[in-house]
Amino acid sequence: MRNRRELNASLKGATLGDADGDAGSALKWLKRSKKREKELAQKRQQALEQMDKVFEGREYTEREQHVMSQMLGIC
């Protein structure tokens, strides 16, 4: 019982059981979630574009071409 009291005393901020002004609104959560997903998609797109730039001028060996064609199902 003592450990539980110490643990509860160390917790700070809203927990799942606490009613928080923002946490109760499903619409606000949905908007935040969509915004976060758009930001992550944008970061992924930027990373892919960066990778394209890195590999753009590079010529592939026969082995690399074979592996890529297998991955794409061309072979």
PDB file of N, CA and C in Angstrom:
ATOM      1  N   MET A   1       0.823  -1.190   0.000  1.00  0.00           N
ATOM      2  CA  MET A   1       0.000   0.000   0.000  1.00  0.00           C
ATOM      3  C   MET A   1       0.870   1.257   0.000  1.00  0.00           C
ATOM      4  N   ARG A   2       1.999   1.178   0.675  1.00  0.00           N
ATOM      5  CA  ARG A   2       2.870   2.331   0.754  1.00  0.00           C
ATOM      6  C   ARG A   2       3.426   2.687  -0.623  1.00  0.00           C
ATOM      7  N   ASN A   3       3.816   1.675  -1.398  1.00  0.00           N
ATOM      8  CA  ASN A   3       4.350   1.911  -2.733  1.00  0.00           C
ATOM      9  C   ASN A   3       3.313   2.565  -3.632  1.00  0.00           C
ATOM     10  N   ARG A   4       2.082   2.159  -3.498  1.00  0.00           N
ATOM     11  CA  ARG A   4       1.016   2.727  -4.314  1.00  0.00           C
ATOM     12  C   ARG A   4       0.825   4.208  -3.999  1.00  0.00           C
ATOM     13  N   ARG A   5       0.885   4.559  -2.712  1.00  0.00           N
ATOM     14  CA  ARG A   5       0.756   5.975  -2.335  1.00  0.00           C
ATOM     15  C   ARG A   5       1.920   6.785  -2.882  1.00  0.00           C
ATOM     16  N   GLU A   6       3.116   6.238  -2.809  1.00  0.00           N
ATOM     17  CA  GLU A   6       4.280   6.945  -3.343  1.00  0.00           C
ATOM     18  C   GLU A   6       4.168   7.108  -4.854  1.00  0.00           C
ATOM     19  N   LEU A   7       3.700   6.082  -5.516  1.00  0.00           N
ATOM     20  CA  LEU A   7       3.519   6.146  -6.964  1.00  0.00           C
ATOM     21  C   LEU A   7       2.484   7.198  -7.333  1.00  0.00           C
ATOM     22  N   ASN A   8       1.353   7.188  -6.662  1.00  0.00           N
ATOM     23  CA  ASN A   8       0.310   8.168  -6.951  1.00  0.00           C
ATOM     24  C   ASN A   8       0.774   9.583  -6.646  1.00  0.00           C
ATOM     25  N   ALA A   9       1.594   9.741  -5.624  1.00  0.00           N
ATOM     26  CA  ALA A   9       2.111  11.068  -5.290  1.00  0.00           C
ATOM     27  C   ALA A   9       3.074  11.563  -6.358  1.00  0.00           C
ATOM     28  N   SER A  10       3.768  10.638  -7.023  1.00  0.00           N
ATOM     29  CA  SER A  10       4.744  11.040  -8.038  1.00  0.00           C
ATOM     30  C   SER A  10       4.103  11.353  -9.389  1.00  0.00           C
ATOM     31  N   LEU A  11       2.861  10.934  -9.599  1.00  0.00           N
ATOM     32  CA  LEU A  11       2.185  11.215 -10.867  1.00  0.00           C
ATOM     33  C   LEU A  11       1.832  12.690 -10.959  1.00  0.00           C
ATOM     34  N   LYS A  12       2.087  13.263 -12.117  1.00  0.00           N
ATOM     35  CA  LYS A  12       1.758  14.677 -12.332  1.00  0.00           C
ATOM     36  C   LYS A  12       0.979  14.793 -13.629  1.00  0.00           C
ATOM     37  N   GLY A  13       0.087  15.743 -13.693  1.00  0.00           N
ATOM     38  CA  GLY A  13      -0.685  15.962 -14.901  1.00  0.00           C
ATOM     39  C   GLY A  13      -1.942  15.120 -14.930  1.00  0.00           C
ATOM     40  N   ALA A  14      -2.697  15.259 -15.992  1.00  0.00           N
ATOM     41  CA  ALA A  14      -3.965  14.549 -16.132  1.00  0.00           C
ATOM     42  C   ALA A  14      -3.708  13.089 -16.475  1.00  0.00           C
ATOM     43  N   THR A  15      -4.461  12.210 -15.884  1.00  0.00           N
ATOM     44  CA  THR A  15      -4.392  10.796 -16.198  1.00  0.00           C
ATOM     45  C   THR A  15      -5.640  10.425 -16.986  1.00  0.00           C
ATOM     46  N   LEU A  16      -5.749   9.187 -17.370  1.00  0.00           N
ATOM     47  CA  LEU A  16      -6.895   8.759 -18.166  1.00  0.00           C
ATOM     48  C   LEU A  16      -8.211   8.936 -17.417  1.00  0.00           C
ATOM     49  N   GLY A  17      -8.175   8.796 -16.105  1.00  0.00           N
ATOM     50  CA  GLY A  17      -9.401   8.909 -15.327  1.00  0.00           C
ATOM     51  C   GLY A  17      -9.807  10.336 -15.037  1.00  0.00           C
ATOM     52  N   ASP A  18      -8.899  11.274 -15.217  1.00  0.00           N
ATOM     53  CA  ASP A  18      -9.206  12.672 -14.934  1.00  0.00           C
ATOM     54  C   ASP A  18      -9.958  13.296 -16.099  1.00  0.00           C
ATOM     55  N   ALA A  19     -10.897  14.149 -15.759  1.00  0.00           N
ATOM     56  CA  ALA A  19     -11.630  14.880 -16.795  1.00  0.00           C
ATOM     57  C   ALA A  19     -10.830  16.123 -17.134  1.00  0.00           C
ATOM     58  N   ASP A  20     -10.328  16.175 -18.335  1.00  0.00           N
ATOM     59  CA  ASP A  20      -9.559  17.322 -18.808  1.00  0.00           C
ATOM     60  C   ASP A  20     -10.399  18.040 -19.855  1.00  0.00           C
ATOM     61  N   GLY A  21     -10.293  19.343 -19.952  1.00  0.00           N
ATOM     62  CA  GLY A  21     -11.102  20.118 -20.877  1.00  0.00           C
ATOM     63  C   GLY A  21     -10.943  19.686 -22.319  1.00  0.00           C
ATOM     64  N   ASP A  22      -9.711  19.501 -22.766  1.00  0.00           N
ATOM     65  CA  ASP A  22      -9.454  19.101 -24.150  1.00  0.00           C
ATOM     66  C   ASP A  22      -9.645  17.606 -24.370  1.00  0.00           C
ATOM     67  N   ALA A  23      -9.307  16.826 -23.379  1.00  0.00           N
ATOM     68  CA  ALA A  23      -9.319  15.378 -23.559  1.00  0.00           C
ATOM     69  C   ALA A  23     -10.730  14.845 -23.797  1.00  0.00           C
ATOM     70  N   GLY A  24     -11.746  15.533 -23.318  1.00  0.00           N
ATOM     71  CA  GLY A  24     -13.104  15.052 -23.457  1.00  0.00           C
ATOM     72  C   GLY A  24     -13.706  15.303 -24.824  1.00  0.00           C
ATOM     73  N   SER A  25     -13.099  16.136 -25.607  1.00  0.00           N
ATOM     74  CA  SER A  25     -13.664  16.499 -26.889  1.00  0.00           C
ATOM     75  C   SER A  25     -13.118  15.598 -28.001  1.00  0.00           C
ATOM     76  N   ALA A  26     -13.974  14.770 -28.515  1.00  0.00           N
ATOM     77  CA  ALA A  26     -13.561  13.872 -29.593  1.00  0.00           C
ATOM     78  C   ALA A  26     -13.229  14.654 -30.856  1.00  0.00           C
ATOM     79  N   LEU A  27     -13.937  15.740 -31.101  1.00  0.00           N
ATOM     80  CA  LEU A  27     -13.685  16.547 -32.295  1.00  0.00           C
ATOM     81  C   LEU A  27     -12.297  17.184 -32.243  1.00  0.00           C
ATOM     82  N   LYS A  28     -11.910  17.694 -31.078  1.00  0.00           N
ATOM     83  CA  LYS A  28     -10.575  18.288 -30.950  1.00  0.00           C
ATOM     84  C   LYS A  28      -9.500  17.232 -31.119  1.00  0.00           C
ATOM     85  N   TRP A  29      -9.736  16.058 -30.559  1.00  0.00           N
ATOM     86  CA  TRP A  29      -8.768  14.973 -30.703  1.00  0.00           C
ATOM     87  C   TRP A  29      -8.618  14.583 -32.165  1.00  0.00           C
ATOM     88  N   LEU A  30      -9.750  14.493 -32.865  1.00  0.00           N
ATOM     89  CA  LEU A  30      -9.731  14.115 -34.271  1.00  0.00           C
ATOM     90  C   LEU A  30      -8.970  15.138 -35.102  1.00  0.00           C
ATOM     91  N   LYS A  31      -9.188  16.416 -34.826  1.00  0.00           N
ATOM     92  CA  LYS A  31      -8.477  17.463 -35.566  1.00  0.00           C
ATOM     93  C   LYS A  31      -6.979  17.403 -35.300  1.00  0.00           C
ATOM     94  N   ARG A  32      -6.596  17.211 -34.028  1.00  0.00           N
ATOM     95  CA  ARG A  32      -5.172  17.104 -33.695  1.00  0.00           C
ATOM     96  C   ARG A  32      -4.560  15.886 -34.369  1.00  0.00           C
ATOM     97  N   SER A  33      -5.295  14.796 -34.383  1.00  0.00           N
ATOM     98  CA  SER A  33      -4.805  13.561 -34.985  1.00  0.00           C
ATOM     99  C   SER A  33      -4.588  13.726 -36.488  1.00  0.00           C
ATOM    100  N   LYS A  34      -5.535  14.346 -37.158  1.00  0.00           N
ATOM    101  CA  LYS A  34      -5.400  14.562 -38.607  1.00  0.00           C
ATOM    102  C   LYS A  34      -4.234  15.496 -38.916  1.00  0.00           C
ATOM    103  N   LYS A  35      -4.081  16.535 -38.104  1.00  0.00           N
ATOM    104  CA  LYS A  35      -2.987  17.481 -38.308  1.00  0.00           C
ATOM    105  C   LYS A  35      -1.645  16.774 -38.127  1.00  0.00           C
ATOM    106  N   ARG A  36      -1.542  15.958 -37.092  1.00  0.00           N
ATOM    107  CA  ARG A  36      -0.312  15.216 -36.831  1.00  0.00           C
ATOM    108  C   ARG A  36      -0.023  14.248 -37.973  1.00  0.00           C
ATOM    109  N   GLU A  37      -1.056  13.594 -38.494  1.00  0.00           N
ATOM    110  CA  GLU A  37      -0.875  12.647 -39.595  1.00  0.00           C
ATOM    111  C   GLU A  37      -0.414  13.363 -40.860  1.00  0.00           C
ATOM    112  N   LYS A  38      -0.949  14.558 -41.122  1.00  0.00           N
ATOM    113  CA  LYS A  38      -0.512  15.328 -42.286  1.00  0.00           C
ATOM    114  C   LYS A  38       0.956  15.718 -42.155  1.00  0.00           C
ATOM    115  N   GLU A  39       1.360  16.110 -40.948  1.00  0.00           N
ATOM    116  CA  GLU A  39       2.754  16.487 -40.730  1.00  0.00           C
ATOM    117  C   GLU A  39       3.676  15.294 -40.940  1.00  0.00           C
ATOM    118  N   LEU A  40       3.280  14.129 -40.441  1.00  0.00           N
ATOM    119  CA  LEU A  40       4.096  12.934 -40.630  1.00  0.00           C
ATOM    120  C   LEU A  40       4.174  12.542 -42.101  1.00  0.00           C
ATOM    121  N   ALA A  41       3.073  12.665 -42.821  1.00  0.00           N
ATOM    122  CA  ALA A  41       3.064  12.348 -44.253  1.00  0.00           C
ATOM    123  C   ALA A  41       3.985  13.294 -45.017  1.00  0.00           C
ATOM    124  N   GLN A  42       3.981  14.553 -44.628  1.00  0.00           N
ATOM    125  CA  GLN A  42       4.844  15.536 -45.277  1.00  0.00           C
ATOM    126  C   GLN A  42       6.315  15.207 -45.015  1.00  0.00           C
ATOM    127  N   LYS A  43       6.635  14.805 -43.791  1.00  0.00           N
ATOM    128  CA  LYS A  43       8.007  14.436 -43.471  1.00  0.00           C
ATOM    129  C   LYS A  43       8.437  13.198 -44.251  1.00  0.00           C
ATOM    130  N   ARG A  44       7.539  12.222 -44.389  1.00  0.00           N
ATOM    131  CA  ARG A  44       7.853  11.025 -45.174  1.00  0.00           C
ATOM    132  C   ARG A  44       8.092  11.382 -46.634  1.00  0.00           C
ATOM    133  N   GLN A  45       7.272  12.270 -47.167  1.00  0.00           N
ATOM    134  CA  GLN A  45       7.412  12.699 -48.557  1.00  0.00           C
ATOM    135  C   GLN A  45       8.751  13.393 -48.765  1.00  0.00           C
ATOM    136  N   GLN A  46       9.132  14.250 -47.830  1.00  0.00           N
ATOM    137  CA  GLN A  46      10.419  14.936 -47.930  1.00  0.00           C
ATOM    138  C   GLN A  46      11.574  13.944 -47.877  1.00  0.00           C
ATOM    139  N   ALA A  47      11.452  12.936 -47.024  1.00  0.00           N
ATOM    140  CA  ALA A  47      12.506  11.924 -46.925  1.00  0.00           C
ATOM    141  C   ALA A  47      12.617  11.144 -48.230  1.00  0.00           C
ATOM    142  N   LEU A  48      11.492  10.794 -48.843  1.00  0.00           N
ATOM    143  CA  LEU A  48      11.511  10.077 -50.117  1.00  0.00           C
ATOM    144  C   LEU A  48      12.124  10.935 -51.226  1.00  0.00           C
ATOM    145  N   GLU A  49      11.791  12.213 -51.246  1.00  0.00           N
ATOM    146  CA  GLU A  49      12.358  13.107 -52.254  1.00  0.00           C
ATOM    147  C   GLU A  49      13.867  13.233 -52.069  1.00  0.00           C
ATOM    148  N   GLN A  50      14.299  13.281 -50.810  1.00  0.00           N
ATOM    149  CA  GLN A  50      15.731  13.357 -50.535  1.00  0.00           C
ATOM    150  C   GLN A  50      16.437  12.092 -51.015  1.00  0.00           C
ATOM    151  N   MET A  51      15.824  10.948 -50.776  1.00  0.00           N
ATOM    152  CA  MET A  51      16.409   9.692 -51.240  1.00  0.00           C
ATOM    153  C   MET A  51      16.464   9.656 -52.758  1.00  0.00           C
ATOM    154  N   ASP A  52      15.435  10.169 -53.424  1.00  0.00           N
ATOM    155  CA  ASP A  52      15.435  10.226 -54.890  1.00  0.00           C
ATOM    156  C   ASP A  52      16.591  11.072 -55.397  1.00  0.00           C
ATOM    157  N   LYS A  53      16.844  12.191 -54.727  1.00  0.00           N
ATOM    158  CA  LYS A  53      17.938  13.066 -55.139  1.00  0.00           C
ATOM    159  C   LYS A  53      19.281  12.365 -54.978  1.00  0.00           C
ATOM    160  N   VAL A  54      19.411  11.600 -53.906  1.00  0.00           N
ATOM    161  CA  VAL A  54      20.674  10.908 -53.642  1.00  0.00           C
ATOM    162  C   VAL A  54      20.937   9.857 -54.718  1.00  0.00           C
ATOM    163  N   PHE A  55      19.909   9.111 -55.094  1.00  0.00           N
ATOM    164  CA  PHE A  55      20.089   8.002 -56.023  1.00  0.00           C
ATOM    165  C   PHE A  55      19.815   8.380 -57.481  1.00  0.00           C
ATOM    166  N   GLU A  56      19.490   9.626 -57.732  1.00  0.00           N
ATOM    167  CA  GLU A  56      19.102  10.052 -59.073  1.00  0.00           C
ATOM    168  C   GLU A  56      20.195   9.833 -60.106  1.00  0.00           C
ATOM    169  N   GLY A  57      21.391  10.268 -59.835  1.00  0.00           N
ATOM    170  CA  GLY A  57      22.460  10.194 -60.818  1.00  0.00           C
ATOM    171  C   GLY A  57      23.238   8.902 -60.771  1.00  0.00           C
ATOM    172  N   ARG A  58      22.889   8.013 -59.909  1.00  0.00           N
ATOM    173  CA  ARG A  58      23.642   6.777 -59.710  1.00  0.00           C
ATOM    174  C   ARG A  58      23.197   5.709 -60.696  1.00  0.00           C
ATOM    175  N   GLU A  59      24.157   4.984 -61.240  1.00  0.00           N
ATOM    176  CA  GLU A  59      23.832   3.867 -62.116  1.00  0.00           C
ATOM    177  C   GLU A  59      23.860   2.589 -61.294  1.00  0.00           C
ATOM    178  N   TYR A  60      22.955   1.701 -61.582  1.00  0.00           N
ATOM    179  CA  TYR A  60      22.834   0.468 -60.821  1.00  0.00           C
ATOM    180  C   TYR A  60      23.622  -0.657 -61.474  1.00  0.00           C
ATOM    181  N   THR A  61      24.138  -1.539 -60.644  1.00  0.00           N
ATOM    182  CA  THR A  61      24.837  -2.715 -61.147  1.00  0.00           C
ATOM    183  C   THR A  61      23.795  -3.729 -61.606  1.00  0.00           C
ATOM    184  N   GLU A  62      24.263  -4.749 -62.309  1.00  0.00           N
ATOM    185  CA  GLU A  62      23.340  -5.787 -62.786  1.00  0.00           C
ATOM    186  C   GLU A  62      22.656  -6.484 -61.622  1.00  0.00           C
ATOM    187  N   ARG A  63      23.386  -6.725 -60.564  1.00  0.00           N
ATOM    188  CA  ARG A  63      22.811  -7.393 -59.389  1.00  0.00           C
ATOM    189  C   ARG A  63      21.708  -6.533 -58.774  1.00  0.00           C
ATOM    190  N   GLU A  64      21.967  -5.242 -58.626  1.00  0.00           N
ATOM    191  CA  GLU A  64      20.953  -4.354 -58.059  1.00  0.00           C
ATOM    192  C   GLU A  64      19.715  -4.304 -58.941  1.00  0.00           C
ATOM    193  N   GLN A  65      19.913  -4.265 -60.256  1.00  0.00           N
ATOM    194  CA  GLN A  65      18.776  -4.251 -61.176  1.00  0.00           C
ATOM    195  C   GLN A  65      17.977  -5.535 -61.066  1.00  0.00           C
ATOM    196  N   HIS A  66      18.667  -6.659 -60.924  1.00  0.00           N
ATOM    197  CA  HIS A  66      17.994  -7.946 -60.788  1.00  0.00           C
ATOM    198  C   HIS A  66      17.173  -7.989 -59.494  1.00  0.00           C
ATOM    199  N   VAL A  67      17.764  -7.532 -58.404  1.00  0.00           N
ATOM    200  CA  VAL A  67      17.062  -7.525 -57.112  1.00  0.00           C
ATOM    201  C   VAL A  67      15.838  -6.614 -57.182  1.00  0.00           C
ATOM    202  N   MET A  68      15.997  -5.435 -57.783  1.00  0.00           N
ATOM    203  CA  MET A  68      14.863  -4.500 -57.892  1.00  0.00           C
ATOM    204  C   MET A  68      13.753  -5.079 -58.772  1.00  0.00           C
ATOM    205  N   SER A  69      14.138  -5.741 -59.860  1.00  0.00           N
ATOM    206  CA  SER A  69      13.111  -6.318 -60.733  1.00  0.00           C
ATOM    207  C   SER A  69      12.377  -7.451 -60.030  1.00  0.00           C
ATOM    208  N   GLN A  70      13.065  -8.224 -59.204  1.00  0.00           N
ATOM    209  CA  GLN A  70      12.417  -9.265 -58.428  1.00  0.00           C
ATOM    210  C   GLN A  70      11.435  -8.660 -57.425  1.00  0.00           C
ATOM    211  N   MET A  71      11.846  -7.567 -56.802  1.00  0.00           N
ATOM    212  CA  MET A  71      10.988  -6.917 -55.811  1.00  0.00           C
ATOM    213  C   MET A  71       9.727  -6.375 -56.459  1.00  0.00           C
ATOM    214  N   LEU A  72       9.872  -5.884 -57.670  1.00  0.00           N
ATOM    215  CA  LEU A  72       8.731  -5.309 -58.371  1.00  0.00           C
ATOM    216  C   LEU A  72       7.917  -6.358 -59.123  1.00  0.00           C
ATOM    217  N   GLY A  73       8.451  -7.563 -59.206  1.00  0.00           N
ATOM    218  CA  GLY A  73       7.723  -8.645 -59.884  1.00  0.00           C
ATOM    219  C   GLY A  73       7.837  -8.582 -61.392  1.00  0.00           C
ATOM    220  N   ILE A  74       8.863  -7.927 -61.899  1.00  0.00           N
ATOM    221  CA  ILE A  74       9.026  -7.781 -63.344  1.00  0.00           C
ATOM    222  C   ILE A  74       9.656  -9.031 -63.935  1.00  0.00           C
ATOM    223  N   CYS A  75      10.543  -9.647 -63.223  1.00  0.00           N
ATOM    224  CA  CYS A  75      11.337 -10.768 -63.710  1.00  0.00           C
ATOM    225  C   CYS A  75      10.545 -11.992 -63.966  1.00  0.00           C
TER     226      CYS A  75
END
